[in-house]
PDB file of N, CA and C in Angstrom:
ATOM      1  N   MET A   1       0.854  -1.182   0.000  1.00  0.00           N
ATOM      2  CA  MET A   1       0.000   0.000   0.000  1.00  0.00           C
ATOM      3  C   MET A   1       0.894   1.238   0.000  1.00  0.00           C
ATOM      4  N   ASN A   2       0.478   2.227  -0.720  1.00  0.00           N
ATOM      5  CA  ASN A   2       1.201   3.493  -0.771  1.00  0.00           C
ATOM      6  C   ASN A   2       1.358   4.043   0.648  1.00  0.00           C
ATOM      7  N   HIS A   3       2.565   4.488   0.986  1.00  0.00           N
ATOM      8  CA  HIS A   3       2.836   4.969   2.339  1.00  0.00           C
ATOM      9  C   HIS A   3       1.997   6.181   2.704  1.00  0.00           C
ATOM     10  N   LEU A   4       1.760   7.071   1.763  1.00  0.00           N
ATOM     11  CA  LEU A   4       0.945   8.249   2.048  1.00  0.00           C
ATOM     12  C   LEU A   4      -0.483   7.842   2.410  1.00  0.00           C
ATOM     13  N   ILE A   5      -1.025   6.891   1.706  1.00  0.00           N
ATOM     14  CA  ILE A   5      -2.383   6.414   2.011  1.00  0.00           C
ATOM     15  C   ILE A   5      -2.419   5.782   3.394  1.00  0.00           C
ATOM     16  N   LEU A   6      -1.393   5.016   3.729  1.00  0.00           N
ATOM     17  CA  LEU A   6      -1.310   4.393   5.054  1.00  0.00           C
ATOM     18  C   LEU A   6      -1.235   5.464   6.149  1.00  0.00           C
ATOM     19  N   ILE A   7      -0.465   6.507   5.902  1.00  0.00           N
ATOM     20  CA  ILE A   7      -0.378   7.615   6.860  1.00  0.00           C
ATOM     21  C   ILE A   7      -1.746   8.272   7.027  1.00  0.00           C
ATOM     22  N   LEU A   8      -2.425   8.552   5.925  1.00  0.00           N
ATOM     23  CA  LEU A   8      -3.719   9.230   5.994  1.00  0.00           C
ATOM     24  C   LEU A   8      -4.768   8.382   6.707  1.00  0.00           C
ATOM     25  N   ILE A   9      -4.767   7.083   6.471  1.00  0.00           N
ATOM     26  CA  ILE A   9      -5.717   6.203   7.164  1.00  0.00           C
ATOM     27  C   ILE A   9      -5.416   6.181   8.656  1.00  0.00           C
ATOM     28  N   SER A  10      -4.142   6.103   9.005  1.00  0.00           N
ATOM     29  CA  SER A  10      -3.749   6.122  10.412  1.00  0.00           C
ATOM     30  C   SER A  10      -4.182   7.412  11.088  1.00  0.00           C
ATOM     31  N   VAL A  11      -3.946   8.527  10.433  1.00  0.00           N
ATOM     32  CA  VAL A  11      -4.321   9.836  10.984  1.00  0.00           C
ATOM     33  C   VAL A  11      -5.841   9.936  11.134  1.00  0.00           C
ATOM     34  N   LEU A  12      -6.576   9.479  10.128  1.00  0.00           N
ATOM     35  CA  LEU A  12      -8.035   9.528  10.187  1.00  0.00           C
ATOM     36  C   LEU A  12      -8.567   8.680  11.349  1.00  0.00           C
ATOM     37  N   LEU A  13      -8.052   7.477  11.498  1.00  0.00           N
ATOM     38  CA  LEU A  13      -8.524   6.606  12.575  1.00  0.00           C
ATOM     39  C   LEU A  13      -8.186   7.175  13.946  1.00  0.00           C
ATOM     40  N   THR A  14      -7.003   7.736  14.085  1.00  0.00           N
ATOM     41  CA  THR A  14      -6.607   8.328  15.357  1.00  0.00           C
ATOM     42  C   THR A  14      -7.505   9.515  15.702  1.00  0.00           C
ATOM     43  N   ALA A  15      -7.795  10.359  14.728  1.00  0.00           N
ATOM     44  CA  ALA A  15      -8.675  11.510  14.961  1.00  0.00           C
ATOM     45  C   ALA A  15     -10.106  11.052  15.258  1.00  0.00           C
ATOM     46  N   LEU A  16     -10.577  10.037  14.553  1.00  0.00           N
ATOM     47  CA  LEU A  16     -11.918   9.500  14.836  1.00  0.00           C
ATOM     48  C   LEU A  16     -11.981   8.947  16.251  1.00  0.00           C
ATOM     49  N   GLY A  17     -10.893   8.339  16.691  1.00  0.00           N
ATOM     50  CA  GLY A  17     -10.830   7.858  18.066  1.00  0.00           C
ATOM     51  C   GLY A  17     -11.041   8.990  19.053  1.00  0.00           C
ATOM     52  N   GLN A  18     -10.415  10.138  18.803  1.00  0.00           N
ATOM     53  CA  GLN A  18     -10.586  11.299  19.676  1.00  0.00           C
ATOM     54  C   GLN A  18     -12.040  11.775  19.694  1.00  0.00           C
ATOM     55  N   LEU A  19     -12.678  11.771  18.529  1.00  0.00           N
ATOM     56  CA  LEU A  19     -14.081  12.196  18.453  1.00  0.00           C
ATOM     57  C   LEU A  19     -14.988  11.231  19.207  1.00  0.00           C
ATOM     58  N   PHE A  20     -14.717   9.941  19.092  1.00  0.00           N
ATOM     59  CA  PHE A  20     -15.493   8.952  19.858  1.00  0.00           C
ATOM     60  C   PHE A  20     -15.258   9.124  21.360  1.00  0.00           C
ATOM     61  N   PHE A  21     -14.000   9.354  21.763  1.00  0.00           N
ATOM     62  CA  PHE A  21     -13.712   9.587  23.183  1.00  0.00           C
ATOM     63  C   PHE A  21     -14.535  10.760  23.706  1.00  0.00           C
ATOM     64  N   LYS A  22     -14.544  11.839  22.954  1.00  0.00           N
ATOM     65  CA  LYS A  22     -15.277  13.038  23.360  1.00  0.00           C
ATOM     66  C   LYS A  22     -16.765  12.753  23.495  1.00  0.00           C
ATOM     67  N   LYS A  23     -17.336  12.066  22.508  1.00  0.00           N
ATOM     68  CA  LYS A  23     -18.777  11.773  22.545  1.00  0.00           C
ATOM     69  C   LYS A  23     -19.132  10.938  23.776  1.00  0.00           C
ATOM     70  N   GLY A  24     -18.345   9.909  24.026  1.00  0.00           N
ATOM     71  CA  GLY A  24     -18.636   9.044  25.163  1.00  0.00           C
ATOM     72  C   GLY A  24     -18.469   9.748  26.500  1.00  0.00           C
ATOM     73  N   MET A  25     -17.383  10.463  26.670  1.00  0.00           N
ATOM     74  CA  MET A  25     -17.122  11.116  27.949  1.00  0.00           C
ATOM     75  C   MET A  25     -18.052  12.308  28.177  1.00  0.00           C
ATOM     76  N   ALA A  26     -18.436  13.002  27.116  1.00  0.00           N
ATOM     77  CA  ALA A  26     -19.385  14.119  27.261  1.00  0.00           C
ATOM     78  C   ALA A  26     -20.740  13.597  27.723  1.00  0.00           C
ATOM     79  N   ALA A  27     -21.150  12.443  27.210  1.00  0.00           N
ATOM     80  CA  ALA A  27     -22.426  11.859  27.624  1.00  0.00           C
ATOM     81  C   ALA A  27     -22.394  11.502  29.112  1.00  0.00           C
ATOM     82  N   ILE A  28     -21.288  10.961  29.564  1.00  0.00           N
ATOM     83  CA  ILE A  28     -21.159  10.610  30.981  1.00  0.00           C
ATOM     84  C   ILE A  28     -21.165  11.877  31.844  1.00  0.00           C
ATOM     85  N   ALA A  29     -20.417  12.884  31.427  1.00  0.00           N
ATOM     86  CA  ALA A  29     -20.359  14.133  32.190  1.00  0.00           C
ATOM     87  C   ALA A  29     -21.725  14.814  32.243  1.00  0.00           C
ATOM     88  N   ASP A  30     -22.518  14.686  31.171  1.00  0.00           N
ATOM     89  CA  ASP A  30     -23.860  15.280  31.159  1.00  0.00           C
ATOM     90  C   ASP A  30     -24.797  14.532  32.102  1.00  0.00           C
ATOM     91  N   GLN A  31     -24.690  13.207  32.117  1.00  0.00           N
ATOM     92  CA  GLN A  31     -25.579  12.389  32.945  1.00  0.00           C
ATOM     93  C   GLN A  31     -25.193  12.414  34.421  1.00  0.00           C
ATOM     94  N   LEU A  32     -23.909  12.443  34.691  1.00  0.00           N
ATOM     95  CA  LEU A  32     -23.415  12.366  36.066  1.00  0.00           C
ATOM     96  C   LEU A  32     -22.384  13.475  36.310  1.00  0.00           C
ATOM     97  N   PRO A  33     -22.823  14.731  36.316  1.00  0.00           N
ATOM     98  CA  PRO A  33     -21.857  15.833  36.363  1.00  0.00           C
ATOM     99  C   PRO A  33     -21.057  15.931  37.662  1.00  0.00           C
ATOM    100  N   GLN A  34     -21.573  15.399  38.761  1.00  0.00           N
ATOM    101  CA  GLN A  34     -20.881  15.516  40.053  1.00  0.00           C
ATOM    102  C   GLN A  34     -19.948  14.340  40.339  1.00  0.00           C
ATOM    103  N   LEU A  35     -19.823  13.439  39.391  1.00  0.00           N
ATOM    104  CA  LEU A  35     -19.008  12.249  39.590  1.00  0.00           C
ATOM    105  C   LEU A  35     -17.527  12.617  39.700  1.00  0.00           C
ATOM    106  N   PRO A  36     -16.813  12.026  40.662  1.00  0.00           N
ATOM    107  CA  PRO A  36     -15.362  12.266  40.712  1.00  0.00           C
ATOM    108  C   PRO A  36     -14.693  11.772  39.430  1.00  0.00           C
ATOM    109  N   MET A  37     -13.564  12.360  39.112  1.00  0.00           N
ATOM    110  CA  MET A  37     -12.877  12.059  37.848  1.00  0.00           C
ATOM    111  C   MET A  37     -12.564  10.572  37.713  1.00  0.00           C
ATOM    112  N   TRP A  38     -12.077   9.933  38.750  1.00  0.00           N
ATOM    113  CA  TRP A  38     -11.691   8.525  38.639  1.00  0.00           C
ATOM    114  C   TRP A  38     -12.903   7.633  38.379  1.00  0.00           C
ATOM    115  N   LYS A  39     -14.067   7.986  38.931  1.00  0.00           N
ATOM    116  CA  LYS A  39     -15.285   7.218  38.641  1.00  0.00           C
ATOM    117  C   LYS A  39     -15.764   7.487  37.222  1.00  0.00           C
ATOM    118  N   MET A  40     -15.616   8.744  36.783  1.00  0.00           N
ATOM    119  CA  MET A  40     -16.008   9.104  35.421  1.00  0.00           C
ATOM    120  C   MET A  40     -15.193   8.288  34.414  1.00  0.00           C
ATOM    121  N   ILE A  41     -13.913   8.156  34.674  1.00  0.00           N
ATOM    122  CA  ILE A  41     -13.052   7.358  33.790  1.00  0.00           C
ATOM    123  C   ILE A  41     -13.496   5.896  33.811  1.00  0.00           C
ATOM    124  N   GLY A  42     -13.842   5.396  34.986  1.00  0.00           N
ATOM    125  CA  GLY A  42     -14.338   4.014  35.092  1.00  0.00           C
ATOM    126  C   GLY A  42     -15.595   3.795  34.261  1.00  0.00           C
ATOM    127  N   TYR A  43     -16.536   4.725  34.355  1.00  0.00           N
ATOM    128  CA  TYR A  43     -17.736   4.636  33.524  1.00  0.00           C
ATOM    129  C   TYR A  43     -17.375   4.748  32.045  1.00  0.00           C
ATOM    130  N   GLY A  44     -16.384   5.571  31.755  1.00  0.00           N
ATOM    131  CA  GLY A  44     -15.943   5.730  30.370  1.00  0.00           C
ATOM    132  C   GLY A  44     -15.452   4.426  29.770  1.00  0.00           C
ATOM    133  N   LEU A  45     -14.789   3.627  30.583  1.00  0.00           N
ATOM    134  CA  LEU A  45     -14.278   2.346  30.072  1.00  0.00           C
ATOM    135  C   LEU A  45     -15.395   1.364  29.727  1.00  0.00           C
ATOM    136  N   LEU A  46     -16.611   1.676  30.155  1.00  0.00           N
ATOM    137  CA  LEU A  46     -17.768   0.834  29.843  1.00  0.00           C
ATOM    138  C   LEU A  46     -18.667   1.448  28.770  1.00  0.00           C
ATOM    139  N   ASN A  47     -18.330   2.634  28.319  1.00  0.00           N
ATOM    140  CA  ASN A  47     -19.156   3.350  27.350  1.00  0.00           C
ATOM    141  C   ASN A  47     -18.831   2.876  25.930  1.00  0.00           C
ATOM    142  N   LEU A  48     -19.862   2.634  25.145  1.00  0.00           N
ATOM    143  CA  LEU A  48     -19.676   2.138  23.784  1.00  0.00           C
ATOM    144  C   LEU A  48     -18.823   3.082  22.937  1.00  0.00           C
ATOM    145  N   TYR A  49     -19.083   4.374  23.032  1.00  0.00           N
ATOM    146  CA  TYR A  49     -18.319   5.335  22.221  1.00  0.00           C
ATOM    147  C   TYR A  49     -16.851   5.380  22.633  1.00  0.00           C
ATOM    148  N   VAL A  50     -16.597   5.298  23.919  1.00  0.00           N
ATOM    149  CA  VAL A  50     -15.206   5.273  24.385  1.00  0.00           C
ATOM    150  C   VAL A  50     -14.521   4.001  23.889  1.00  0.00           C
ATOM    151  N   LEU A  51     -15.228   2.885  23.941  1.00  0.00           N
ATOM    152  CA  LEU A  51     -14.655   1.627  23.437  1.00  0.00           C
ATOM    153  C   LEU A  51     -14.389   1.712  21.927  1.00  0.00           C
ATOM    154  N   LEU A  52     -15.317   2.325  21.195  1.00  0.00           N
ATOM    155  CA  LEU A  52     -15.076   2.537  19.759  1.00  0.00           C
ATOM    156  C   LEU A  52     -13.884   3.460  19.545  1.00  0.00           C
ATOM    157  N   GLY A  53     -13.734   4.436  20.432  1.00  0.00           N
ATOM    158  CA  GLY A  53     -12.578   5.331  20.366  1.00  0.00           C
ATOM    159  C   GLY A  53     -11.278   4.561  20.534  1.00  0.00           C
ATOM    160  N   PHE A  54     -11.243   3.650  21.508  1.00  0.00           N
ATOM    161  CA  PHE A  54     -10.048   2.831  21.692  1.00  0.00           C
ATOM    162  C   PHE A  54      -9.778   1.959  20.475  1.00  0.00           C
ATOM    163  N   LEU A  55     -10.835   1.422  19.889  1.00  0.00           N
ATOM    164  CA  LEU A  55     -10.665   0.581  18.698  1.00  0.00           C
ATOM    165  C   LEU A  55     -10.087   1.394  17.543  1.00  0.00           C
ATOM    166  N   ALA A  56     -10.668   2.558  17.277  1.00  0.00           N
ATOM    167  CA  ALA A  56     -10.184   3.397  16.177  1.00  0.00           C
ATOM    168  C   ALA A  56      -8.771   3.912  16.463  1.00  0.00           C
ATOM    169  N   PHE A  57      -8.565   4.416  17.675  1.00  0.00           N
ATOM    170  CA  PHE A  57      -7.263   4.961  18.048  1.00  0.00           C
ATOM    171  C   PHE A  57      -6.190   3.874  18.009  1.00  0.00           C
ATOM    172  N   GLY A  58      -6.528   2.712  18.541  1.00  0.00           N
ATOM    173  CA  GLY A  58      -5.579   1.599  18.558  1.00  0.00           C
ATOM    174  C   GLY A  58      -5.239   1.093  17.164  1.00  0.00           C
ATOM    175  N   THR A  59      -6.242   1.010  16.307  1.00  0.00           N
ATOM    176  CA  THR A  59      -5.996   0.584  14.926  1.00  0.00           C
ATOM    177  C   THR A  59      -5.118   1.605  14.213  1.00  0.00           C
ATOM    178  N   GLY A  60      -5.399   2.882  14.441  1.00  0.00           N
ATOM    179  CA  GLY A  60      -4.563   3.938  13.865  1.00  0.00           C
ATOM    180  C   GLY A  60      -3.127   3.832  14.349  1.00  0.00           C
ATOM    181  N   ALA A  61      -2.947   3.515  15.634  1.00  0.00           N
ATOM    182  CA  ALA A  61      -1.596   3.373  16.186  1.00  0.00           C
ATOM    183  C   ALA A  61      -0.866   2.185  15.568  1.00  0.00           C
ATOM    184  N   LEU A  62      -1.572   1.089  15.357  1.00  0.00           N
ATOM    185  CA  LEU A  62      -0.945  -0.079  14.724  1.00  0.00           C
ATOM    186  C   LEU A  62      -0.526   0.230  13.288  1.00  0.00           C
ATOM    187  N   LEU A  63      -1.380   0.932  12.568  1.00  0.00           N
ATOM    188  CA  LEU A  63      -1.013   1.339  11.213  1.00  0.00           C
ATOM    189  C   LEU A  63       0.174   2.290  11.242  1.00  0.00           C
ATOM    190  N   TRP A  64       0.223   3.139  12.263  1.00  0.00           N
ATOM    191  CA  TRP A  64       1.337   4.074  12.395  1.00  0.00           C
ATOM    192  C   TRP A  64       2.659   3.322  12.566  1.00  0.00           C
ATOM    193  N   LEU A  65       2.615   2.210  13.281  1.00  0.00           N
ATOM    194  CA  LEU A  65       3.827   1.386  13.428  1.00  0.00           C
ATOM    195  C   LEU A  65       4.304   0.887  12.069  1.00  0.00           C
ATOM    196  N   ALA A  66       3.366   0.505  11.209  1.00  0.00           N
ATOM    197  CA  ALA A  66       3.734   0.068   9.856  1.00  0.00           C
ATOM    198  C   ALA A  66       4.336   1.231   9.070  1.00  0.00           C
ATOM    199  N   VAL A  67       3.793   2.426   9.257  1.00  0.00           N
ATOM    200  CA  VAL A  67       4.342   3.613   8.594  1.00  0.00           C
ATOM    201  C   VAL A  67       5.780   3.844   9.052  1.00  0.00           C
ATOM    202  N   LEU A  68       6.001   3.785  10.360  1.00  0.00           N
ATOM    203  CA  LEU A  68       7.331   4.055  10.905  1.00  0.00           C
ATOM    204  C   LEU A  68       8.364   3.029  10.446  1.00  0.00           C
ATOM    205  N   ALA A  69       7.915   1.832  10.150  1.00  0.00           N
ATOM    206  CA  ALA A  69       8.836   0.802   9.669  1.00  0.00           C
ATOM    207  C   ALA A  69       9.319   1.087   8.250  1.00  0.00           C
ATOM    208  N   ARG A  70       8.550   1.889   7.503  1.00  0.00           N
ATOM    209  CA  ARG A  70       8.851   2.075   6.079  1.00  0.00           C
ATOM    210  C   ARG A  70       9.151   3.510   5.658  1.00  0.00           C
ATOM    211  N   GLU A  71       8.914   4.453   6.542  1.00  0.00           N
ATOM    212  CA  GLU A  71       8.979   5.854   6.129  1.00  0.00           C
ATOM    213  C   GLU A  71       9.854   6.648   7.088  1.00  0.00           C
ATOM    214  N   GLU A  72      10.435   7.723   6.596  1.00  0.00           N
ATOM    215  CA  GLU A  72      11.220   8.622   7.446  1.00  0.00           C
ATOM    216  C   GLU A  72      10.290   9.306   8.445  1.00  0.00           C
ATOM    217  N   LEU A  73      10.700   9.340   9.690  1.00  0.00           N
ATOM    218  CA  LEU A  73       9.895   9.985  10.719  1.00  0.00           C
ATOM    219  C   LEU A  73       9.747  11.474  10.450  1.00  0.00           C
ATOM    220  N   SER A  74      10.807  12.094   9.946  1.00  0.00           N
ATOM    221  CA  SER A  74      10.758  13.536   9.664  1.00  0.00           C
ATOM    222  C   SER A  74       9.795  13.865   8.530  1.00  0.00           C
ATOM    223  N   TYR A  75       9.406  12.869   7.751  1.00  0.00           N
ATOM    224  CA  TYR A  75       8.389  13.044   6.707  1.00  0.00           C
ATOM    225  C   TYR A  75       7.005  12.697   7.254  1.00  0.00           C
ATOM    226  N   ALA A  76       6.902  11.560   7.926  1.00  0.00           N
ATOM    227  CA  ALA A  76       5.596  11.051   8.342  1.00  0.00           C
ATOM    228  C   ALA A  76       4.974  11.866   9.472  1.00  0.00           C
ATOM    229  N   TYR A  77       5.763  12.210  10.469  1.00  0.00           N
ATOM    230  CA  TYR A  77       5.183  12.840  11.652  1.00  0.00           C
ATOM    231  C   TYR A  77       4.501  14.179  11.359  1.00  0.00           C
ATOM    232  N   PRO A  78       5.092  15.061  10.571  1.00  0.00           N
ATOM    233  CA  PRO A  78       4.357  16.303  10.262  1.00  0.00           C
ATOM    234  C   PRO A  78       3.008  16.042   9.580  1.00  0.00           C
ATOM    235  N   LEU A  79       2.909  14.981   8.809  1.00  0.00           N
ATOM    236  CA  LEU A  79       1.634  14.678   8.162  1.00  0.00           C
ATOM    237  C   LEU A  79       0.570  14.259   9.169  1.00  0.00           C
ATOM    238  N   SER A  80       1.004  13.775  10.324  1.00  0.00           N
ATOM    239  CA  SER A  80       0.029  13.387  11.348  1.00  0.00           C
ATOM    240  C   SER A  80      -0.769  14.594  11.851  1.00  0.00           C
ATOM    241  N   SER A  81      -0.254  15.793  11.620  1.00  0.00           N
ATOM    242  CA  SER A  81      -0.982  16.987  12.054  1.00  0.00           C
ATOM    243  C   SER A  81      -2.270  17.198  11.267  1.00  0.00           C
ATOM    244  N   LEU A  82      -2.473  16.450  10.199  1.00  0.00           N
ATOM    245  CA  LEU A  82      -3.755  16.526   9.490  1.00  0.00           C
ATOM    246  C   LEU A  82      -4.904  16.070  10.381  1.00  0.00           C
ATOM    247  N   GLY A  83      -4.569  15.337  11.430  1.00  0.00           N
ATOM    248  CA  GLY A  83      -5.591  14.945  12.397  1.00  0.00           C
ATOM    249  C   GLY A  83      -6.272  16.151  13.034  1.00  0.00           C
ATOM    250  N   TYR A  84      -5.535  17.256  13.173  1.00  0.00           N
ATOM    251  CA  TYR A  84      -6.138  18.483  13.706  1.00  0.00           C
ATOM    252  C   TYR A  84      -7.295  18.943  12.829  1.00  0.00           C
ATOM    253  N   LEU A  85      -7.126  18.806  11.537  1.00  0.00           N
ATOM    254  CA  LEU A  85      -8.167  19.211  10.592  1.00  0.00           C
ATOM    255  C   LEU A  85      -9.403  18.328  10.755  1.00  0.00           C
ATOM    256  N   VAL A  86      -9.193  17.024  10.858  1.00  0.00           N
ATOM    257  CA  VAL A  86     -10.308  16.094  11.036  1.00  0.00           C
ATOM    258  C   VAL A  86     -11.055  16.404  12.336  1.00  0.00           C
ATOM    259  N   VAL A  87     -10.314  16.630  13.413  1.00  0.00           N
ATOM    260  CA  VAL A  87     -10.936  16.915  14.702  1.00  0.00           C
ATOM    261  C   VAL A  87     -11.665  18.262  14.667  1.00  0.00           C
ATOM    262  N   LEU A  88     -11.091  19.248  14.010  1.00  0.00           N
ATOM    263  CA  LEU A  88     -11.741  20.554  13.899  1.00  0.00           C
ATOM    264  C   LEU A  88     -13.108  20.417  13.228  1.00  0.00           C
ATOM    265  N   PHE A  89     -13.149  19.757  12.064  1.00  0.00           N
ATOM    266  CA  PHE A  89     -14.420  19.602  11.357  1.00  0.00           C
ATOM    267  C   PHE A  89     -15.374  18.689  12.124  1.00  0.00           C
ATOM    268  N   GLY A  90     -14.844  17.628  12.705  1.00  0.00           N
ATOM    269  CA  GLY A  90     -15.691  16.740  13.504  1.00  0.00           C
ATOM    270  C   GLY A  90     -16.295  17.452  14.692  1.00  0.00           C
ATOM    271  N   SER A  91     -15.501  18.288  15.361  1.00  0.00           N
ATOM    272  CA  SER A  91     -15.999  19.050  16.506  1.00  0.00           C
ATOM    273  C   SER A  91     -17.093  20.015  16.091  1.00  0.00           C
ATOM    274  N   PHE A  92     -16.927  20.614  14.940  1.00  0.00           N
ATOM    275  CA  PHE A  92     -17.924  21.555  14.430  1.00  0.00           C
ATOM    276  C   PHE A  92     -19.219  20.845  14.055  1.00  0.00           C
ATOM    277  N   PHE A  93     -19.111  19.769  13.283  1.00  0.00           N
ATOM    278  CA  PHE A  93     -20.306  19.096  12.769  1.00  0.00           C
ATOM    279  C   PHE A  93     -20.998  18.203  13.797  1.00  0.00           C
ATOM    280  N   PHE A  94     -20.239  17.509  14.636  1.00  0.00           N
ATOM    281  CA  PHE A  94     -20.847  16.548  15.561  1.00  0.00           C
ATOM    282  C   PHE A  94     -21.149  17.133  16.935  1.00  0.00           C
ATOM    283  N   PHE A  95     -20.370  18.126  17.363  1.00  0.00           N
ATOM    284  CA  PHE A  95     -20.559  18.683  18.699  1.00  0.00           C
ATOM    285  C   PHE A  95     -20.985  20.144  18.679  1.00  0.00           C
ATOM    286  N   GLN A  96     -21.185  20.705  17.491  1.00  0.00           N
ATOM    287  CA  GLN A  96     -21.597  22.094  17.325  1.00  0.00           C
ATOM    288  C   GLN A  96     -20.675  23.061  18.073  1.00  0.00           C
ATOM    289  N   GLU A  97     -19.386  22.728  18.127  1.00  0.00           N
ATOM    290  CA  GLU A  97     -18.416  23.629  18.745  1.00  0.00           C
ATOM    291  C   GLU A  97     -18.203  24.830  17.830  1.00  0.00           C
ATOM    292  N   GLN A  98     -18.028  25.978  18.430  1.00  0.00           N
ATOM    293  CA  GLN A  98     -17.770  27.191  17.675  1.00  0.00           C
ATOM    294  C   GLN A  98     -16.303  27.216  17.246  1.00  0.00           C
ATOM    295  N   ILE A  99     -16.085  27.514  15.980  1.00  0.00           N
ATOM    296  CA  ILE A  99     -14.732  27.558  15.434  1.00  0.00           C
ATOM    297  C   ILE A  99     -14.414  29.018  15.107  1.00  0.00           C
ATOM    298  N   SER A 100     -13.458  29.570  15.830  1.00  0.00           N
ATOM    299  CA  SER A 100     -13.119  30.971  15.628  1.00  0.00           C
ATOM    300  C   SER A 100     -12.243  31.139  14.387  1.00  0.00           C
ATOM    301  N   LEU A 101     -12.176  32.364  13.938  1.00  0.00           N
ATOM    302  CA  LEU A 101     -11.345  32.695  12.782  1.00  0.00           C
ATOM    303  C   LEU A 101      -9.880  32.362  13.057  1.00  0.00           C
ATOM    304  N   ILE A 102      -9.425  32.608  14.262  1.00  0.00           N
ATOM    305  CA  ILE A 102      -8.026  32.334  14.589  1.00  0.00           C
ATOM    306  C   ILE A 102      -7.730  30.832  14.528  1.00  0.00           C
ATOM    307  N   ARG A 103      -8.691  29.995  14.913  1.00  0.00           N
ATOM    308  CA  ARG A 103      -8.509  28.543  14.780  1.00  0.00           C
ATOM    309  C   ARG A 103      -8.438  28.142  13.315  1.00  0.00           C
ATOM    310  N   ILE A 104      -9.306  28.729  12.523  1.00  0.00           N
ATOM    311  CA  ILE A 104      -9.295  28.429  11.085  1.00  0.00           C
ATOM    312  C   ILE A 104      -7.957  28.830  10.481  1.00  0.00           C
ATOM    313  N   LEU A 105      -7.465  29.996  10.855  1.00  0.00           N
ATOM    314  CA  LEU A 105      -6.160  30.438  10.354  1.00  0.00           C
ATOM    315  C   LEU A 105      -5.053  29.488  10.812  1.00  0.00           C
ATOM    316  N   GLY A 106      -5.124  29.034  12.042  1.00  0.00           N
ATOM    317  CA  GLY A 106      -4.137  28.085  12.547  1.00  0.00           C
ATOM    318  C   GLY A 106      -4.144  26.793  11.750  1.00  0.00           C
ATOM    319  N   ILE A 107      -5.328  26.290  11.433  1.00  0.00           N
ATOM    320  CA  ILE A 107      -5.446  25.067  10.641  1.00  0.00           C
ATOM    321  C   ILE A 107      -4.905  25.292   9.234  1.00  0.00           C
ATOM    322  N   LEU A 108      -5.163  26.464   8.668  1.00  0.00           N
ATOM    323  CA  LEU A 108      -4.629  26.766   7.333  1.00  0.00           C
ATOM    324  C   LEU A 108      -3.101  26.773   7.342  1.00  0.00           C
ATOM    325  N   VAL A 109      -2.512  27.290   8.403  1.00  0.00           N
ATOM    326  CA  VAL A 109      -1.046  27.271   8.529  1.00  0.00           C
ATOM    327  C   VAL A 109      -0.552  25.824   8.598  1.00  0.00           C
ATOM    328  N   ILE A 110      -1.257  24.990   9.362  1.00  0.00           N
ATOM    329  CA  ILE A 110      -0.884  23.574   9.456  1.00  0.00           C
ATOM    330  C   ILE A 110      -0.973  22.904   8.087  1.00  0.00           C
ATOM    331  N   ILE A 111      -2.061  23.161   7.363  1.00  0.00           N
ATOM    332  CA  ILE A 111      -2.228  22.578   6.030  1.00  0.00           C
ATOM    333  C   ILE A 111      -1.108  23.037   5.106  1.00  0.00           C
ATOM    334  N   ALA A 112      -0.737  24.303   5.197  1.00  0.00           N
ATOM    335  CA  ALA A 112       0.371  24.806   4.377  1.00  0.00           C
ATOM    336  C   ALA A 112       1.655  24.063   4.733  1.00  0.00           C
ATOM    337  N   GLY A 113       1.876  23.821   6.018  1.00  0.00           N
ATOM    338  CA  GLY A 113       3.058  23.075   6.441  1.00  0.00           C
ATOM    339  C   GLY A 113       3.043  21.649   5.927  1.00  0.00           C
ATOM    340  N   VAL A 114       1.889  21.007   5.973  1.00  0.00           N
ATOM    341  CA  VAL A 114       1.771  19.637   5.456  1.00  0.00           C
ATOM    342  C   VAL A 114       2.064  19.620   3.965  1.00  0.00           C
ATOM    343  N   PHE A 115       1.537  20.606   3.250  1.00  0.00           N
ATOM    344  CA  PHE A 115       1.806  20.694   1.817  1.00  0.00           C
ATOM    345  C   PHE A 115       3.313  20.820   1.558  1.00  0.00           C
ATOM    346  N   LEU A 116       3.984  21.656   2.330  1.00  0.00           N
ATOM    347  CA  LEU A 116       5.426  21.845   2.140  1.00  0.00           C
ATOM    348  C   LEU A 116       6.192  20.559   2.441  1.00  0.00           C
ATOM    349  N   VAL A 117       5.796  19.832   3.462  1.00  0.00           N
ATOM    350  CA  VAL A 117       6.447  18.561   3.795  1.00  0.00           C
ATOM    351  C   VAL A 117       6.249  17.564   2.659  1.00  0.00           C
ATOM    352  N   GLU A 118       5.017  17.470   2.161  1.00  0.00           N
ATOM    353  CA  GLU A 118       4.750  16.552   1.050  1.00  0.00           C
ATOM    354  C   GLU A 118       5.486  16.986  -0.211  1.00  0.00           C
ATOM    355  N   TYR A 119       5.543  18.280  -0.450  1.00  0.00           N
ATOM    356  CA  TYR A 119       6.212  18.815  -1.631  1.00  0.00           C
ATOM    357  C   TYR A 119       7.719  18.585  -1.570  1.00  0.00           C
ATOM    358  N   SER A 120       8.251  18.464  -0.349  1.00  0.00           N
ATOM    359  CA  SER A 120       9.691  18.277  -0.187  1.00  0.00           C
ATOM    360  C   SER A 120      10.172  16.941  -0.729  1.00  0.00           C
ATOM    361  N   ARG A 121       9.280  16.071  -1.021  1.00  0.00           N
ATOM    362  CA  ARG A 121       9.614  14.758  -1.557  1.00  0.00           C
ATOM    363  C   ARG A 121      10.035  14.955  -2.966  1.00  0.00           C
TER     364      ARG A 121
END
C-alpha cells in the first residue's frame, strides 16, 4: 500500500478515536456531572463510544507502526498533524463547537506546512 495512504488512514482513525472519546465522555459528564474524575473514567471504560474510540485509536496506532517501519519519521510525523483538521471539522459538525477565525487560520497554517512537507519529496 502506498505509504501516504497508510499515513492518511492512520491519521483519520486516530482523529476519529478522539471524536469517539469526546462523545462518550461528554455523555457521561452530562448524565453524572458531580461524579469524581476517577469514577467518570471508570464509567468511560464501559461506554460504547469510548470503546469505539479505543478501537479506532488503537488501529490507527498499529497502522502508524507500519508507517514508521517504512517511512522517514521527519516526513511522516508532520503529516500526522492533518488529524487536527479532522478533529476541527468533527468538533464543528458533531458537537456544534464554535470555530473561531483564529482557529481556522491556525489550521490553514498547518495545512500549508503539510503541503510543504509533502512537496519536499
